[in-house]
Protein backbone atom coordinates (compact mmCIF):
# COMPACT_ATOMS: atom_id res chain seq x y z
CA MET A 1 -45.34 -33.22 -12.24
CA ILE A 2 -48.60 -31.30 -11.99
CA ILE A 3 -50.19 -34.11 -9.98
CA SER A 4 -47.24 -34.13 -7.56
CA VAL A 5 -47.51 -30.38 -7.03
CA ALA A 6 -51.28 -30.69 -6.52
CA PHE A 7 -50.85 -33.44 -3.91
CA GLY A 8 -48.16 -31.37 -2.19
CA MET A 9 -50.44 -28.34 -2.08
CA VAL A 10 -53.28 -30.43 -0.62
CA HIS A 11 -50.87 -31.81 1.99
CA ILE A 12 -49.64 -28.36 3.02
CA LEU A 13 -53.16 -26.90 3.12
CA ALA A 14 -54.42 -29.83 5.20
CA GLY A 15 -51.67 -29.22 7.76
CA LEU A 16 -52.41 -25.49 7.87
CA ILE A 17 -56.13 -26.09 8.30
CA ILE A 18 -55.52 -28.55 11.15
CA LYS A 19 -53.21 -26.08 12.89
CA PHE A 20 -55.81 -23.31 12.36
CA TYR A 21 -58.47 -25.49 13.96
CA MET A 22 -56.23 -26.37 16.92
CA LEU A 23 -55.38 -22.73 17.60
CA TRP A 24 -59.02 -21.67 17.22
CA ARG A 25 -60.16 -24.36 19.66
CA LYS A 26 -57.58 -23.29 22.24
CA GLY A 27 -59.07 -19.79 22.14
CA GLU A 28 -56.18 -18.22 20.25
CA LYS A 29 -58.39 -16.85 17.49
CA VAL A 30 -56.14 -13.91 16.52
CA ASP A 31 -53.14 -16.22 16.27
CA ALA A 32 -55.12 -18.65 14.14
CA ILE A 33 -56.15 -15.92 11.71
CA CYS A 34 -52.80 -14.11 11.59
CA ASP A 35 -50.57 -17.18 11.54
CA MET A 36 -52.51 -19.77 9.56
CA GLY A 37 -55.41 -17.91 7.95
CA PHE A 38 -53.30 -15.58 5.84
CA TRP A 39 -51.09 -18.47 4.70
CA ILE A 40 -54.17 -20.42 3.64
CA VAL A 41 -55.54 -17.44 1.69
CA GLY A 42 -52.16 -16.82 0.05
CA LEU A 43 -51.65 -20.43 -1.02
CA LEU A 44 -55.21 -20.70 -2.33
CA GLY A 45 -54.51 -17.49 -4.25
CA VAL A 46 -51.54 -19.20 -5.91
CA CYS A 47 -53.83 -22.08 -6.91
CA VAL A 48 -56.48 -19.73 -8.30
CA PHE A 49 -53.84 -17.75 -10.20
CA ALA A 50 -52.32 -20.91 -11.68
CA GLY A 51 -55.78 -22.13 -12.69
CA GLY A 52 -56.50 -18.79 -14.33
CA MET A 53 -53.25 -18.96 -16.27
CA GLY A 54 -53.99 -22.51 -17.38
CA LEU A 55 -57.50 -21.62 -18.53
CA GLY A 56 -56.54 -18.23 -19.96
CA ASN A 57 -59.08 -16.50 -17.71
CA ASP A 58 -58.14 -12.93 -16.72
CA ILE A 59 -60.77 -12.77 -13.95
CA LEU A 60 -59.24 -15.75 -12.15
CA ASN A 61 -55.79 -14.23 -12.58
CA ASN A 62 -56.91 -10.99 -10.94
CA VAL A 63 -58.70 -12.80 -8.11
CA GLY A 64 -55.62 -14.98 -7.52
CA ILE A 65 -53.32 -11.95 -7.42
CA ALA A 66 -55.63 -10.20 -4.94
CA MET A 67 -55.71 -13.29 -2.72
CA MET A 68 -51.92 -13.54 -2.79
CA ILE A 69 -51.56 -9.89 -1.82
CA ILE A 70 -54.05 -10.27 1.04
CA GLY A 71 -52.34 -13.44 2.22
């Protein structure tokens, strides 16, 4: 189950990064940051938070929560 979720997260992040790149290249830099950038930061925050919970590391938990709030 964990491997399936990890592959799903990689798949979603890859799509967001490609869309970010396409928007950036078209000159729509604000759209790229506001539409895709914050989603990328938020989803990476979920990953960092989950990793912190799995390792029992409070610093990673706090960093993950901050990334999710920013995203």
